N, C-alpha and C. Protein backbone atom coordinates (compact mmCIF):
# COMPACT_ATOMS: atom_id res chain seq x y z
N UNK A 1 -3.26 -0.65 -10.93
CA UNK A 1 -2.94 0.92 -10.41
C UNK A 1 -1.31 0.16 -9.19
N UNK A 2 -1.44 -0.81 -8.77
CA UNK A 2 0.09 -1.19 -7.40
C UNK A 2 0.56 -1.48 -8.25
N UNK A 3 0.83 -1.72 -10.19
CA UNK A 3 2.31 -2.36 -10.93
C UNK A 3 2.53 -0.12 -11.42
N UNK A 4 1.54 0.36 -11.87
CA UNK A 4 1.75 1.28 -11.97
C UNK A 4 2.86 2.40 -11.32
N UNK A 5 2.00 2.23 -10.34
CA UNK A 5 2.64 3.80 -8.72
C UNK A 5 4.34 2.69 -8.75
N UNK A 6 4.13 1.11 -8.52
CA UNK A 6 5.39 0.99 -7.90
C UNK A 6 6.54 1.32 -9.98
N UNK A 7 6.30 0.87 -10.62
CA UNK A 7 7.09 1.25 -11.59
C UNK A 7 7.14 2.67 -11.82
N UNK A 8 6.63 3.42 -11.23
CA UNK A 8 7.10 5.51 -11.22
C UNK A 8 7.40 5.89 -9.42
N UNK A 9 7.14 5.20 -9.00
CA UNK A 9 7.52 5.92 -7.41
C UNK A 9 8.92 5.00 -7.12
N UNK A 10 8.69 3.61 -7.00
CA UNK A 10 9.43 2.69 -6.83
C UNK A 10 9.77 1.87 -5.63
N UNK A 11 8.51 2.27 -4.82
CA UNK A 11 8.59 2.09 -4.01
C UNK A 11 7.04 1.08 -3.79
N UNK A 12 6.40 0.77 -2.43
CA UNK A 12 5.74 -0.37 -1.59
C UNK A 12 5.47 0.52 -1.48
N UNK A 13 3.47 0.31 -1.62
CA UNK A 13 1.86 1.22 -2.16
C UNK A 13 2.14 1.19 0.00
N UNK A 14 2.97 1.67 0.42
CA UNK A 14 3.40 2.48 1.73
C UNK A 14 5.19 3.19 2.50
N UNK A 15 4.90 3.35 0.69
CA UNK A 15 6.40 4.33 -0.04
C UNK A 15 6.96 4.34 1.32
N UNK A 16 7.45 2.83 1.07
CA UNK A 16 8.96 2.10 1.37
C UNK A 16 9.34 1.39 -0.32
N UNK A 17 10.99 1.28 -0.02
CA UNK A 17 12.18 1.70 0.53
C UNK A 17 11.67 4.02 0.14
N UNK A 18 12.38 4.03 1.66
CA UNK A 18 12.89 5.97 1.81
C UNK A 18 13.33 6.05 0.36
N UNK A 19 12.57 7.04 -0.36
CA UNK A 19 13.50 7.79 -1.87
C UNK A 19 13.75 6.46 -3.51
N UNK A 20 13.33 5.39 -2.39
CA UNK A 20 12.78 4.53 -3.79
C UNK A 20 13.66 3.31 -4.00
N UNK A 21 13.50 1.91 -4.24
CA UNK A 21 13.69 1.34 -4.86
C UNK A 21 15.09 1.50 -6.53
N UNK A 22 16.55 1.39 -6.31
CA UNK A 22 16.96 1.83 -7.36
C UNK A 22 16.28 2.76 -7.61
N UNK A 23 16.07 3.87 -6.95
CA UNK A 23 15.43 5.27 -8.21
C UNK A 23 15.55 5.85 -8.84
N UNK A 24 16.86 5.59 -9.83
CA UNK A 24 17.52 5.86 -10.50
C UNK A 24 16.52 4.66 -12.38
N UNK A 25 16.00 3.57 -12.41
CA UNK A 25 15.44 3.36 -12.70
C UNK A 25 13.34 3.28 -12.51
N UNK A 26 12.76 4.07 -12.00
CA UNK A 26 11.43 4.83 -12.18
C UNK A 26 11.97 5.70 -13.65
N UNK A 27 10.57 5.14 -14.21
CA UNK A 27 9.95 5.34 -15.28
C UNK A 27 8.56 6.62 -15.15
N UNK A 28 8.72 7.41 -15.98
CA UNK A 28 7.98 8.20 -16.69
C UNK A 28 6.40 7.61 -16.43
N UNK A 29 4.88 8.41 -15.52
CA UNK A 29 3.72 7.80 -15.89
C UNK A 29 3.09 7.54 -17.64
N UNK A 30 4.08 8.03 -18.04
CA UNK A 30 3.59 7.86 -19.60
C UNK A 30 4.79 6.40 -20.05
N UNK A 31 5.68 6.47 -19.40
CA UNK A 31 6.88 5.42 -19.96
C UNK A 31 5.79 4.30 -18.69
N UNK A 32 5.38 4.50 -18.46
CA UNK A 32 5.03 3.30 -17.38
C UNK A 32 3.41 2.58 -18.16
N UNK A 33 2.66 4.00 -18.15
CA UNK A 33 1.62 3.26 -18.78
C UNK A 33 0.86 2.92 -20.11
N UNK A 34 2.55 3.38 -21.06
CA UNK A 34 2.65 2.82 -21.79
C UNK A 34 3.04 0.48 -22.24
N UNK A 35 4.01 0.85 -21.56
CA UNK A 35 4.64 -1.14 -21.20
C UNK A 35 3.72 -1.37 -20.72
N UNK A 36 2.10 -0.43 -19.83
CA UNK A 36 1.12 -1.38 -19.31
C UNK A 36 0.37 -2.00 -20.65
N UNK A 37 0.51 -0.98 -21.35
CA UNK A 37 -0.49 -0.89 -22.93
C UNK A 37 -0.39 -1.80 -23.76
N UNK A 38 0.51 -0.89 -25.05
CA UNK A 38 1.17 -1.42 -26.74
C UNK A 38 1.99 -2.25 -26.45
N UNK A 39 3.06 -1.27 -24.97
CA UNK A 39 4.26 -2.56 -25.00
C UNK A 39 3.95 -3.73 -24.53
N UNK A 40 2.86 -4.61 -23.46
CA UNK A 40 2.94 -5.81 -23.00
C UNK A 40 1.86 -6.07 -24.22
N UNK A 41 0.80 -6.24 -25.31
CA UNK A 41 -0.02 -6.69 -26.05
C UNK A 41 0.88 -6.59 -27.25
N UNK A 42 2.75 -6.00 -27.29
CA UNK A 42 3.71 -6.24 -29.32
C UNK A 42 4.41 -7.06 -28.72
N UNK A 43 4.53 -7.56 -26.40
CA UNK A 43 5.51 -8.56 -26.50
C UNK A 43 4.22 -9.85 -26.09
N UNK A 44 3.25 -9.69 -26.89
CA UNK A 44 2.40 -11.00 -26.58
C UNK A 44 1.92 -11.17 -28.05
N UNK A 45 2.80 -10.21 -28.08
CA UNK A 45 2.43 -10.65 -30.32
C UNK A 45 1.13 -10.39 -30.46
N UNK A 46 0.12 -9.37 -29.98
CA UNK A 46 -1.08 -9.33 -29.91
C UNK A 46 -1.32 -7.36 -30.47
N UNK A 47 -0.11 -6.98 -30.79
CA UNK A 47 -0.49 -5.32 -30.83
C UNK A 47 -1.07 -4.80 -31.99
N UNK A 48 -2.07 -5.71 -32.91
CA UNK A 48 -2.96 -6.11 -34.06
C UNK A 48 -4.48 -5.85 -33.24
N UNK A 49 -4.31 -6.92 -32.12
CA UNK A 49 -5.70 -6.72 -31.74
C UNK A 49 -6.10 -5.89 -30.29
N UNK A 50 -5.62 -5.70 -29.17
CA UNK A 50 -5.26 -5.41 -27.78
C UNK A 50 -3.59 -4.45 -27.88
N UNK A 51 -4.46 -3.73 -27.54
CA UNK A 51 -3.41 -2.32 -26.45
C UNK A 51 -3.40 -1.26 -26.53
N UNK A 52 -4.36 -0.39 -27.53
CA UNK A 52 -4.44 1.18 -28.48
C UNK A 52 -6.14 0.67 -28.48
N UNK A 53 -6.64 2.08 -28.44
CA UNK A 53 -8.08 2.67 -28.44
C UNK A 53 -7.94 2.58 -29.63
N UNK A 54 -8.67 2.15 -31.15
CA UNK A 54 -8.45 2.18 -32.82
C UNK A 54 -8.86 1.18 -33.16
N UNK A 55 -10.14 1.20 -34.32
CA UNK A 55 -10.94 0.87 -35.18
C UNK A 55 -10.45 -0.34 -34.55
N UNK A 56 -11.43 -1.17 -35.15
CA UNK A 56 -10.85 -2.94 -35.54
C UNK A 56 -9.81 -3.67 -34.52
N UNK A 57 -9.55 -3.00 -32.56
CA UNK A 57 -9.01 -4.08 -31.99
C UNK A 57 -10.33 -4.12 -30.61
N UNK A 58 -10.00 -4.46 -30.15
CA UNK A 58 -11.61 -4.48 -28.26
C UNK A 58 -11.09 -3.75 -28.23
N UNK A 59 -11.25 -3.60 -27.77
CA UNK A 59 -12.35 -1.97 -26.85
C UNK A 59 -11.87 -2.28 -25.68
N UNK A 60 -10.59 -3.02 -24.67
CA UNK A 60 -10.76 -3.05 -23.32
C UNK A 60 -9.98 -1.46 -22.67
N UNK A 61 -10.91 -0.55 -21.85
CA UNK A 61 -9.97 -0.25 -21.06
C UNK A 61 -10.97 0.56 -19.50
N UNK A 62 -10.27 0.62 -19.35
CA UNK A 62 -10.72 1.17 -17.31
C UNK A 62 -11.35 2.55 -17.65
N UNK A 63 -11.52 3.60 -16.76
CA UNK A 63 -13.07 4.29 -16.63
C UNK A 63 -11.89 5.00 -14.87
N UNK A 64 -10.61 5.91 -14.24
CA UNK A 64 -10.58 5.56 -13.04
C UNK A 64 -11.81 6.86 -13.28
N UNK A 65 -11.23 7.38 -11.35
CA UNK A 65 -11.69 8.71 -10.78
C UNK A 65 -11.21 9.56 -10.55
N UNK A 66 -9.08 9.42 -11.06
CA UNK A 66 -8.33 10.25 -11.11
C UNK A 66 -7.36 10.51 -12.40
N UNK A 67 -6.63 11.96 -12.64
CA UNK A 67 -6.03 11.82 -13.93
C UNK A 67 -5.32 10.93 -13.81
N UNK A 68 -4.14 10.19 -14.23
CA UNK A 68 -3.26 10.00 -13.48
C UNK A 68 -1.90 9.71 -14.17
N UNK A 69 -2.39 10.73 -15.33
CA UNK A 69 -0.95 11.90 -16.03
C UNK A 69 -0.74 13.07 -15.34
N UNK A 70 -1.70 13.30 -14.47
CA UNK A 70 -1.26 14.71 -13.99
C UNK A 70 -1.30 15.33 -12.06
N UNK A 71 -1.68 13.66 -11.58
CA UNK A 71 -1.96 13.38 -9.89
C UNK A 71 -0.31 12.91 -9.88
N UNK A 72 0.29 13.16 -8.45
CA UNK A 72 0.81 13.34 -7.75
C UNK A 72 0.96 11.37 -7.84
N UNK A 73 2.02 11.56 -7.66
CA UNK A 73 2.26 9.60 -8.34
C UNK A 73 2.09 8.77 -6.90
N UNK A 74 2.12 9.41 -5.99
CA UNK A 74 2.64 8.49 -4.94
C UNK A 74 1.38 8.38 -4.35
N UNK A 75 -0.01 8.76 -5.26
CA UNK A 75 -1.42 8.47 -5.41
C UNK A 75 -1.62 7.56 -5.74
N UNK A 76 -0.88 6.89 -7.12
CA UNK A 76 -1.59 6.43 -7.94
C UNK A 76 -1.87 4.61 -7.41
N UNK A 77 -1.53 4.47 -5.91
CA UNK A 77 -2.18 2.71 -5.68
C UNK A 77 -3.84 2.91 -4.72
N UNK A 78 -3.97 4.90 -4.82
CA UNK A 78 -5.30 4.77 -4.20
C UNK A 78 -6.20 5.69 -5.67
N UNK A 79 -5.90 5.74 -6.36
CA UNK A 79 -6.91 5.46 -8.05
C UNK A 79 -7.83 4.18 -7.56
N UNK A 80 -9.09 5.10 -8.04
CA UNK A 80 -10.60 3.55 -7.83
C UNK A 80 -10.45 3.70 -9.27
N UNK A 81 -10.61 2.32 -9.97
CA UNK A 81 -10.74 1.84 -11.01
C UNK A 81 -13.13 2.38 -10.96
N UNK A 82 -13.48 2.93 -12.03
CA UNK A 82 -15.09 3.38 -11.69
C UNK A 82 -15.56 2.43 -12.79
N UNK A 83 -15.62 2.07 -13.85
CA UNK A 83 -15.92 1.07 -14.86
C UNK A 83 -14.19 0.52 -15.03
N UNK A 84 -15.23 -0.59 -16.01
CA UNK A 84 -13.95 -2.00 -16.72
C UNK A 84 -14.69 -2.39 -18.15
N UNK A 85 -13.77 -2.16 -19.01
CA UNK A 85 -14.85 -2.49 -20.15
C UNK A 85 -13.95 -3.69 -20.91
N UNK A 86 -14.56 -4.67 -21.55
CA UNK A 86 -14.02 -5.05 -22.51
C UNK A 86 -14.46 -6.02 -23.14
N UNK A 87 -13.49 -5.96 -24.86
CA UNK A 87 -14.03 -5.87 -26.18
C UNK A 87 -15.66 -5.40 -26.21
N UNK A 88 -15.06 -3.60 -25.32
CA UNK A 88 -16.52 -2.76 -25.71
C UNK A 88 -17.37 -2.86 -25.03
N UNK A 89 -17.83 -3.95 -23.85
CA UNK A 89 -18.79 -4.11 -23.17
C UNK A 89 -18.62 -3.54 -21.61
N UNK A 90 -19.34 -3.34 -20.71
CA UNK A 90 -19.01 -3.01 -19.67
C UNK A 90 -18.89 -4.29 -18.71
N UNK A 91 -17.88 -4.81 -17.64
CA UNK A 91 -18.03 -5.20 -17.34
C UNK A 91 -18.62 -5.41 -15.89
N UNK A 92 -18.07 -4.61 -15.48
CA UNK A 92 -18.22 -3.88 -13.99
C UNK A 92 -18.57 -2.18 -13.51
N UNK A 93 -19.44 -2.21 -12.91
CA UNK A 93 -19.20 -0.35 -12.16
C UNK A 93 -19.32 -0.16 -11.34
N UNK A 94 -18.13 0.61 -10.06
CA UNK A 94 -18.19 0.69 -8.72
C UNK A 94 -19.24 1.37 -7.99
N UNK A 95 -19.78 1.22 -7.17
CA UNK A 95 -20.84 2.19 -6.63
C UNK A 95 -20.56 2.73 -6.09
């Protein structure tokens, strides 16, 4: 979540620097999410097995406590992971 926050706000978790570092390079949340999912899989030559939720691919995903696509981007780094799933099996559940 820290990476998404930084990509979208161009700031650290404590909102520094003011206005964001090279703010003109900020991504939308949709662009940042894509970069961390299918684009990352593509760069590793694994887009056929990971990166999206599709039949025949590993089901690796997280469940969050907030909708990252509608929330204030400054709050992204405070989003909590409720569950983590790897290869279709739950690996983590928050307290």
